[in-house]
Amino acid sequence: MDLLEKGAAEIIRVSDLRERLEDSLKTGRPLRVKAGFDPTAPDLHLGHTVLMRKLRHFQQLGHQVIFLVGDFTSLIGDPTGRNVTRKPLTREQIDANAETYKAQVFKILDPEKTEVRYNSEWLSKLGYEGTIRLASHFTVSQMIERDEFHKRFKAEQPISLHEFLYPLMQAYDSVALEADVELGGTDQRFNLGAGRELQRGYGQKPQIVLMTPILEGLDGVQKMSKSLGNAIGINEPAPEMYGKLMSINDELMWKYWVFLTDLRQSEVDALKAEVIAGKLHPMEAKKRLARTITAGFHGEAAAVAADENWARMFQQKEAAEDLEEVAIGYADLVGPSGAPGSLQVRLPKLLVQLGLAASGAEASRKIAEGAVKLDGETASNALIPLASLPARIVVRLGKRAKVANIS
């Protein structure tokens, strides 16, 4: 219960979950735990992984988890959180997106212990008669009571009839899979509750609902979403993922520790207490977070490299703010001969132009000693390809440094 309740906003009901877990221990029958994901975009982001990580917690405890791909419900589009009707996707778009989901989900879940299902298996077979019988379990007033529909109805905004079908279809998923537990965000309350009600109508024991809070994106305000430009995709390169995580505010950092890592709540609380007591700098706590999450998707080596790369860039940026800048022309650094693509910058000449070395001989000697750094990287050659040299670069010789603006 400690593990399963971590990060949960609400469980309907906690006593039922405890009872069903106890029954599972007695009978040896694992609980069937589902979470659905509509493939409305080709890539998953960290917001999606909140539910996946909770699925993994059930998986670690020996229960059967079901990663449900909503390839059929995507044809309707979930109206949750929408004040306008979604534009339906084509079957080709859905199938293409679903393929990418399968490849991404196993970065968190154990592929050997995960049941991957598509709700087109049963929803596409319902037909008109089955859909009518399904709809008979709900009333129009129940649908209008739903927050999104109620607001749109009051504002005289259109509600398409097919949108009423979405919660029915999601509810039928739970019936078809005989789910013991369904996971979802707090914005899914209506849909998750519909599943409990429909299971009763089909003579099944109603599923336990475990809801997690909505994870804010990089802006710390709105729900993480690719369309809002505040998301971190789980397929993004390690340096990009790490850099985005380092950009979040300190308050959001603690939410990310809870929902995007496997640390126990007590461990997160202890880490936060260290920061509050001044024993740990918030920046270091954030760097640990970024390394932990990045390592989970890209491996430890890639996370360490991203950490070092970010630190180097950040330190160079900080250092450059207080350094003297010197304007230098390319003509002062390269010779007149050679094809344009093969022009090389003479590093000793650059050092002399910046006033970091008194002569070319001294500069060459310092380069050979490894005392010269370009944007934090030790320069090992006296000649540098012109194409690889940025227009603005921090050049450091020992303790002295300047910024070269090359044009």
Protein backbone atom coordinates (compact mmCIF):
# COMPACT_ATOMS: atom_id res chain seq x y z
CA MET A 1 0.00 0.00 0.00
CA ASP A 2 2.95 2.30 0.74
CA LEU A 3 4.21 1.93 -2.81
CA LEU A 4 0.81 2.06 -4.50
CA GLU A 5 -0.41 5.11 -2.58
CA LYS A 6 2.74 7.10 -3.37
CA GLY A 7 1.76 10.01 -5.62
CA ALA A 8 -1.91 8.98 -5.76
CA ALA A 9 -4.34 11.91 -5.65
CA GLU A 10 -7.33 9.70 -4.86
CA ILE A 11 -8.21 6.02 -4.69
CA ILE A 12 -11.82 4.85 -4.99
CA ARG A 13 -11.81 3.18 -2.59
CA VAL A 14 -8.69 2.58 -0.48
CA SER A 15 -10.44 -0.04 1.63
CA ASP A 16 -11.52 -1.91 -1.52
CA LEU A 17 -7.95 -1.88 -2.86
CA ARG A 18 -6.60 -3.23 0.41
CA GLU A 19 -9.27 -5.94 0.47
CA ARG A 20 -8.59 -6.97 -3.12
CA LEU A 21 -4.84 -7.08 -2.51
CA GLU A 22 -5.43 -9.33 0.50
CA ASP A 23 -7.65 -11.60 -1.61
CA SER A 24 -4.92 -11.73 -4.24
CA LEU A 25 -2.44 -12.92 -1.62
CA LYS A 26 -4.84 -15.60 -0.40
CA THR A 27 -5.88 -16.91 -3.82
CA GLY A 28 -2.65 -16.35 -5.71
CA ARG A 29 -4.58 -14.57 -8.48
CA PRO A 30 -2.83 -11.35 -9.52
CA LEU A 31 -4.95 -8.25 -9.98
CA ARG A 32 -5.62 -7.08 -13.53
CA VAL A 33 -4.50 -3.45 -13.71
CA LYS A 34 -5.12 -1.33 -16.80
CA ALA A 35 -4.24 2.12 -18.06
CA GLY A 36 -5.30 3.36 -21.48
CA PHE A 37 -3.35 5.60 -23.82
CA ASP A 38 -4.86 7.02 -26.99
CA PRO A 39 -2.20 7.29 -29.73
CA THR A 40 -3.16 10.84 -30.73
CA ALA A 41 0.51 11.85 -31.26
CA PRO A 42 3.56 9.86 -32.32
CA ASP A 43 5.57 10.35 -29.13
CA LEU A 44 4.93 9.89 -25.44
CA HIS A 45 6.15 12.50 -22.96
CA LEU A 46 7.02 12.42 -19.27
CA GLY A 47 3.43 13.32 -18.36
CA HIS A 48 2.32 9.96 -19.78
CA THR A 49 4.91 8.11 -17.73
CA VAL A 50 3.25 9.02 -14.41
CA LEU A 51 0.66 6.31 -15.07
CA MET A 52 3.24 3.96 -16.60
CA ARG A 53 5.38 4.22 -13.48
CA LYS A 54 2.36 3.39 -11.32
CA LEU A 55 1.69 0.42 -13.61
CA ARG A 56 5.27 -0.65 -12.97
CA HIS A 57 4.68 -0.48 -9.21
CA PHE A 58 1.82 -2.97 -9.59
CA GLN A 59 4.05 -5.02 -11.87
CA GLN A 60 6.84 -5.07 -9.28
CA LEU A 61 4.32 -6.43 -6.77
CA GLY A 62 3.47 -9.33 -9.08
CA HIS A 63 0.20 -8.12 -10.61
CA GLN A 64 -0.81 -8.31 -14.28
CA VAL A 65 -0.60 -4.91 -15.92
CA ILE A 66 -2.33 -4.07 -19.19
CA PHE A 67 -1.02 -1.30 -21.41
CA LEU A 68 -4.12 -0.49 -23.42
CA VAL A 69 -3.67 1.27 -26.74
CA GLY A 70 -6.87 3.18 -27.53
CA ASP A 71 -6.66 2.73 -31.28
CA PHE A 72 -10.47 2.64 -31.56
CA THR A 73 -11.31 5.38 -29.04
CA SER A 74 -8.81 7.63 -30.84
CA LEU A 75 -11.30 7.72 -33.70
CA ILE A 76 -13.62 9.64 -31.35
CA GLY A 77 -11.10 11.64 -29.35
CA ASP A 78 -11.31 12.06 -25.58
CA PRO A 79 -13.37 15.20 -24.75
CA THR A 80 -11.69 15.45 -21.33
CA GLY A 81 -10.39 18.97 -20.75
CA ARG A 82 -11.62 20.16 -24.14
CA ASN A 83 -13.93 23.09 -24.75
CA VAL A 84 -14.21 22.23 -28.44
CA THR A 85 -14.75 19.02 -30.38
CA ARG A 86 -11.51 17.22 -31.26
CA LYS A 87 -10.64 16.76 -34.89
CA PRO A 88 -10.84 13.00 -35.59
CA LEU A 89 -7.64 11.25 -36.65
CA THR A 90 -7.41 8.95 -39.64
CA ARG A 91 -6.89 5.22 -39.17
CA GLU A 92 -3.45 5.55 -40.80
CA GLN A 93 -2.36 8.24 -38.30
CA ILE A 94 -3.58 6.18 -35.36
CA ASP A 95 -1.84 2.98 -36.52
CA ALA A 96 1.44 4.81 -37.11
CA ASN A 97 1.30 6.45 -33.68
CA ALA A 98 0.38 3.17 -31.98
CA GLU A 99 3.53 1.52 -33.36
CA THR A 100 5.72 4.18 -31.77
CA TYR A 101 3.90 3.73 -28.42
CA LYS A 102 4.79 0.04 -28.29
CA ALA A 103 8.49 0.86 -28.72
CA GLN A 104 8.44 3.55 -26.03
CA VAL A 105 6.41 1.93 -23.23
CA PHE A 106 9.04 -0.72 -22.54
CA LYS A 107 11.49 1.92 -21.42
CA ILE A 108 9.52 1.72 -18.17
CA LEU A 109 7.53 -1.53 -18.14
CA ASP A 110 8.90 -5.06 -18.27
CA PRO A 111 8.02 -6.38 -21.75
CA GLU A 112 7.90 -9.98 -20.48
CA LYS A 113 5.26 -9.10 -17.89
CA THR A 114 3.15 -6.58 -19.81
CA GLU A 115 -0.06 -7.36 -21.64
CA VAL A 116 -0.41 -4.98 -24.59
CA ARG A 117 -3.96 -4.77 -25.91
CA TYR A 118 -5.81 -2.66 -28.50
CA ASN A 119 -9.41 -1.71 -27.79
CA SER A 120 -10.34 -2.17 -31.45
CA GLU A 121 -10.31 -5.91 -30.56
CA TRP A 122 -13.73 -5.58 -28.95
CA LEU A 123 -15.06 -2.12 -29.81
CA SER A 124 -14.88 -2.68 -33.57
CA LYS A 125 -17.09 -5.76 -33.12
CA LEU A 126 -19.86 -4.07 -31.14
CA GLY A 127 -21.86 -3.02 -34.17
CA TYR A 128 -25.04 -0.96 -33.98
CA GLU A 129 -26.87 -3.39 -31.70
CA GLY A 130 -24.00 -3.64 -29.23
CA THR A 131 -23.54 0.13 -29.16
CA ILE A 132 -27.27 0.67 -28.50
CA ARG A 133 -27.20 -1.84 -25.63
CA LEU A 134 -24.08 -0.17 -24.26
CA ALA A 135 -25.68 3.29 -24.44
CA SER A 136 -28.73 2.05 -22.55
CA HIS A 137 -26.66 1.93 -19.34
CA PHE A 138 -26.30 5.73 -19.25
CA THR A 139 -28.65 8.69 -19.41
CA VAL A 140 -28.34 12.01 -21.25
CA SER A 141 -28.52 13.86 -17.91
CA GLN A 142 -25.51 11.90 -16.67
CA MET A 143 -23.55 13.00 -19.71
CA ILE A 144 -24.58 16.65 -19.40
CA GLU A 145 -23.48 16.62 -15.75
CA ARG A 146 -19.94 16.02 -16.94
CA ASP A 147 -17.98 19.23 -16.34
CA GLU A 148 -16.74 19.77 -19.92
CA PHE A 149 -20.16 19.07 -21.44
CA HIS A 150 -21.99 21.14 -18.84
CA LYS A 151 -19.83 24.20 -19.53
CA ARG A 152 -20.17 23.86 -23.28
CA PHE A 153 -23.93 23.33 -23.02
CA LYS A 154 -24.33 26.44 -20.82
CA ALA A 155 -22.16 28.46 -23.22
CA GLU A 156 -24.22 27.17 -26.16
CA GLN A 157 -21.12 25.65 -27.71
CA PRO A 158 -21.66 22.59 -29.92
CA ILE A 159 -21.31 19.09 -28.49
CA SER A 160 -21.10 16.39 -31.12
CA LEU A 161 -23.14 13.28 -30.40
CA HIS A 162 -20.14 10.99 -30.90
CA GLU A 163 -18.40 12.67 -27.94
CA PHE A 164 -20.97 11.12 -25.60
CA LEU A 165 -19.76 7.73 -26.77
CA TYR A 166 -16.18 8.16 -25.55
CA PRO A 167 -16.75 7.49 -21.81
CA LEU A 168 -18.99 4.57 -22.76
CA MET A 169 -16.25 3.06 -24.89
CA GLN A 170 -13.59 3.55 -22.19
CA ALA A 171 -15.95 2.00 -19.66
CA TYR A 172 -16.51 -0.99 -21.93
CA ASP A 173 -12.72 -1.49 -22.08
CA SER A 174 -12.85 -2.29 -18.36
CA VAL A 175 -15.65 -4.78 -18.94
CA ALA A 176 -13.84 -6.48 -21.81
CA LEU A 177 -10.59 -6.74 -19.84
CA GLU A 178 -12.33 -7.59 -16.53
CA ALA A 179 -10.17 -4.96 -14.85
CA ASP A 180 -9.66 -4.98 -11.09
CA VAL A 181 -7.95 -1.59 -11.12
CA GLU A 182 -7.90 1.27 -13.61
CA LEU A 183 -5.38 4.09 -13.48
CA GLY A 184 -5.96 7.58 -14.79
CA GLY A 185 -5.39 11.27 -14.15
CA THR A 186 -7.71 13.28 -11.94
CA ASP A 187 -9.19 14.80 -15.11
CA GLN A 188 -10.43 11.30 -16.01
CA ARG A 189 -12.74 10.96 -13.01
CA PHE A 190 -15.94 10.82 -15.09
CA ASN A 191 -14.59 8.19 -17.51
CA LEU A 192 -13.12 6.06 -14.72
CA GLY A 193 -16.36 6.20 -12.76
CA ALA A 194 -18.28 5.16 -15.87
CA GLY A 195 -16.17 2.01 -15.92
CA ARG A 196 -17.22 1.12 -12.37
CA GLU A 197 -20.88 1.68 -13.21
CA LEU A 198 -20.80 -0.35 -16.42
CA GLN A 199 -19.02 -3.26 -14.74
CA ARG A 200 -21.86 -3.40 -12.21
CA GLY A 201 -24.32 -3.48 -15.12
CA TYR A 202 -22.46 -6.43 -16.62
CA GLY A 203 -22.37 -8.33 -13.32
CA GLN A 204 -18.69 -7.68 -12.60
CA LYS A 205 -17.15 -6.40 -9.39
CA PRO A 206 -16.52 -2.66 -9.97
CA GLN A 207 -12.88 -1.76 -10.54
CA ILE A 208 -10.84 0.24 -8.06
CA VAL A 209 -9.93 3.64 -9.48
CA LEU A 210 -6.49 5.09 -8.74
CA MET A 211 -6.06 8.68 -9.90
CA THR A 212 -2.83 10.61 -10.17
CA PRO A 213 -2.53 14.40 -10.32
CA ILE A 214 -2.02 16.11 -13.65
CA LEU A 215 1.67 16.79 -14.16
CA GLU A 216 2.51 20.36 -15.13
CA GLY A 217 4.87 20.94 -18.01
CA LEU A 218 8.05 23.00 -18.14
CA ASP A 219 6.11 26.24 -17.56
CA GLY A 220 4.93 24.93 -14.19
CA VAL A 221 1.38 26.04 -14.96
CA GLN A 222 -0.37 24.05 -17.68
CA LYS A 223 -0.70 20.31 -18.15
CA MET A 224 2.31 18.84 -19.92
CA SER A 225 1.42 18.71 -23.59
CA LYS A 226 3.31 18.61 -26.87
CA SER A 227 0.77 20.98 -28.39
CA LEU A 228 1.50 23.55 -25.66
CA GLY A 229 5.25 23.25 -26.20
CA ASN A 230 5.91 22.51 -22.52
CA ALA A 231 6.60 18.77 -22.76
CA ILE A 232 9.66 16.56 -22.43
CA GLY A 233 9.44 13.64 -24.85
CA ILE A 234 10.81 10.33 -23.63
CA ASN A 235 12.51 9.84 -27.00
CA GLU A 236 14.34 13.17 -26.85
CA PRO A 237 18.16 12.95 -26.84
CA ALA A 238 19.76 12.76 -23.39
CA PRO A 239 21.32 16.26 -23.49
CA GLU A 240 17.99 17.83 -24.49
CA MET A 241 16.05 15.91 -21.83
CA TYR A 242 18.59 16.83 -19.16
CA GLY A 243 18.64 20.49 -20.17
CA LYS A 244 14.85 20.78 -20.11
CA LEU A 245 14.69 19.21 -16.64
CA MET A 246 17.24 21.71 -15.38
CA SER A 247 14.98 24.55 -16.59
CA ILE A 248 12.03 23.76 -14.28
CA ASN A 249 11.38 25.79 -11.14
CA ASP A 250 12.24 24.45 -7.68
CA GLU A 251 8.62 23.89 -6.64
CA LEU A 252 7.93 21.74 -9.69
CA MET A 253 11.14 19.80 -9.06
CA TRP A 254 9.64 18.12 -6.01
CA LYS A 255 6.58 16.99 -7.97
CA TYR A 256 8.88 15.49 -10.57
CA TRP A 257 10.79 13.66 -7.84
CA VAL A 258 7.53 12.12 -6.64
CA PHE A 259 5.89 11.27 -9.96
CA LEU A 260 8.83 10.62 -12.29
CA THR A 261 11.20 8.59 -10.11
CA ASP A 262 10.98 5.44 -8.00
CA LEU A 263 12.13 7.13 -4.80
CA ARG A 264 9.85 6.44 -1.88
CA GLN A 265 7.92 9.41 -0.50
CA SER A 266 10.00 9.31 2.67
CA GLU A 267 13.20 9.59 0.59
CA VAL A 268 11.84 12.58 -1.33
CA ASP A 269 10.81 14.21 1.96
CA ALA A 270 14.31 13.65 3.39
CA LEU A 271 15.92 15.20 0.30
CA LYS A 272 13.62 18.21 0.54
CA ALA A 273 14.42 18.58 4.23
CA GLU A 274 18.15 18.74 3.39
CA VAL A 275 17.49 21.59 0.97
CA ILE A 276 15.34 23.49 3.47
CA ALA A 277 18.02 23.05 6.16
CA GLY A 278 20.67 24.42 3.82
CA LYS A 279 22.62 21.15 3.76
CA LEU A 280 21.99 20.66 0.04
CA HIS A 281 21.81 23.32 -2.65
CA PRO A 282 18.55 23.25 -4.70
CA MET A 283 20.64 23.20 -7.87
CA GLU A 284 22.33 19.97 -6.77
CA ALA A 285 18.94 18.39 -5.97
CA LYS A 286 17.73 19.36 -9.44
CA LYS A 287 20.88 17.95 -11.06
CA ARG A 288 20.28 14.65 -9.25
CA LEU A 289 16.72 14.65 -10.55
CA ALA A 290 17.80 15.36 -14.12
CA ARG A 291 20.46 12.61 -13.95
CA THR A 292 18.01 10.11 -12.45
CA ILE A 293 15.28 10.65 -15.06
CA THR A 294 17.69 10.87 -18.00
CA ALA A 295 19.46 7.67 -16.90
CA GLY A 296 16.12 5.87 -16.78
CA PHE A 297 15.55 6.45 -20.49
CA HIS A 298 19.10 6.66 -21.88
CA GLY A 299 21.37 4.82 -19.44
CA GLU A 300 23.78 6.00 -16.77
CA ALA A 301 26.65 6.86 -19.13
CA ALA A 302 24.47 9.11 -21.29
CA ALA A 303 23.07 10.82 -18.17
CA VAL A 304 26.55 11.54 -16.80
CA ALA A 305 27.68 12.89 -20.18
CA ALA A 306 24.58 15.12 -20.36
CA ASP A 307 25.29 16.34 -16.82
CA GLU A 308 28.89 17.21 -17.66
CA ASN A 309 27.88 18.85 -20.92
CA TRP A 310 25.24 20.99 -19.20
CA ALA A 311 27.63 22.00 -16.43
CA ARG A 312 30.25 22.99 -18.98
CA MET A 313 27.79 25.06 -21.00
CA PHE A 314 26.27 26.65 -17.90
CA GLN A 315 29.65 27.52 -16.40
CA GLN A 316 30.85 28.95 -19.70
CA LYS A 317 27.70 31.04 -19.95
CA GLU A 318 28.14 32.32 -16.41
CA ALA A 319 31.83 33.02 -16.97
CA ALA A 320 31.27 34.75 -20.30
CA GLU A 321 29.01 37.36 -18.68
CA ASP A 322 31.99 38.85 -16.79
CA LEU A 323 34.68 38.44 -19.45
CA GLU A 324 36.11 41.02 -21.80
CA GLU A 325 34.95 40.53 -25.38
CA VAL A 326 37.34 41.06 -28.29
CA ALA A 327 36.25 41.42 -31.92
CA ILE A 328 38.50 39.52 -34.32
CA GLY A 329 38.22 39.03 -38.08
CA TYR A 330 38.66 35.66 -39.72
CA ALA A 331 41.26 37.24 -42.04
CA ASP A 332 43.51 37.80 -39.01
CA LEU A 333 43.46 34.13 -38.14
CA VAL A 334 43.64 32.16 -41.40
CA GLY A 335 46.09 32.13 -44.26
CA PRO A 336 45.19 33.33 -47.77
CA SER A 337 45.68 29.97 -49.47
CA GLY A 338 43.65 26.77 -49.56
CA ALA A 339 40.13 25.86 -50.55
CA PRO A 340 37.38 27.52 -48.47
CA GLY A 341 36.33 24.22 -46.97
CA SER A 342 39.85 23.46 -45.75
CA LEU A 343 40.72 26.81 -44.14
CA GLN A 344 42.18 26.45 -40.68
CA VAL A 345 42.36 28.86 -37.79
CA ARG A 346 45.78 29.30 -36.25
CA LEU A 347 45.10 29.01 -32.53
CA PRO A 348 48.44 30.61 -31.44
CA LYS A 349 47.49 33.65 -33.49
CA LEU A 350 44.08 33.80 -31.79
CA LEU A 351 45.71 33.74 -28.36
CA VAL A 352 48.04 36.58 -29.32
CA GLN A 353 45.14 38.61 -30.79
CA LEU A 354 43.24 38.19 -27.50
CA GLY A 355 46.28 39.25 -25.48
CA LEU A 356 46.40 35.92 -23.64
CA ALA A 357 49.91 35.16 -24.96
CA ALA A 358 52.80 37.51 -25.71
CA SER A 359 53.99 35.58 -28.76
CA GLY A 360 53.12 32.72 -31.05
CA ALA A 361 55.90 30.65 -29.51
CA GLU A 362 54.50 31.09 -26.02
CA ALA A 363 50.99 30.26 -27.26
CA SER A 364 52.23 27.09 -29.02
CA ARG A 365 53.98 25.98 -25.84
CA LYS A 366 50.85 26.52 -23.73
CA ILE A 367 48.75 24.56 -26.23
CA ALA A 368 51.24 21.68 -26.05
CA GLU A 369 51.03 21.79 -22.23
CA GLY A 370 47.21 21.49 -22.38
CA ALA A 371 46.75 24.89 -20.72
CA VAL A 372 44.41 26.28 -23.41
CA LYS A 373 40.66 25.63 -23.39
CA LEU A 374 38.00 26.54 -25.94
CA ASP A 375 34.50 26.65 -24.44
CA GLY A 376 35.69 24.41 -21.64
CA GLU A 377 37.34 21.80 -23.89
CA THR A 378 41.12 21.39 -23.83
CA ALA A 379 42.64 22.42 -27.16
CA SER A 380 45.09 19.79 -28.35
CA ASN A 381 45.91 21.17 -31.82
CA ALA A 382 47.38 24.46 -32.98
CA LEU A 383 45.27 24.35 -36.16
CA ILE A 384 41.46 24.23 -36.00
CA PRO A 385 39.13 23.79 -39.02
CA LEU A 386 37.44 27.13 -39.63
CA ALA A 387 34.03 25.46 -40.06
CA SER A 388 34.17 24.00 -36.52
CA LEU A 389 34.92 27.29 -34.76
CA PRO A 390 31.83 29.15 -33.44
CA ALA A 391 31.45 32.88 -33.98
CA ARG A 392 31.54 33.50 -30.21
CA ILE A 393 33.85 31.41 -28.08
CA VAL A 394 35.36 31.56 -24.59
CA VAL A 395 39.13 31.14 -24.82
CA ARG A 396 40.95 30.34 -21.59
CA LEU A 397 44.66 30.13 -20.91
CA GLY A 398 45.33 29.14 -17.34
CA LYS A 399 43.38 31.49 -15.09
CA ARG A 400 42.92 34.16 -17.75
CA ALA A 401 40.03 34.11 -20.22
CA LYS A 402 38.40 36.27 -22.84
CA VAL A 403 35.48 36.00 -25.24
CA ALA A 404 36.39 36.08 -28.93
CA ASN A 405 33.71 37.47 -31.27
CA ILE A 406 34.94 36.22 -34.65
CA SER A 407 33.47 37.66 -37.82
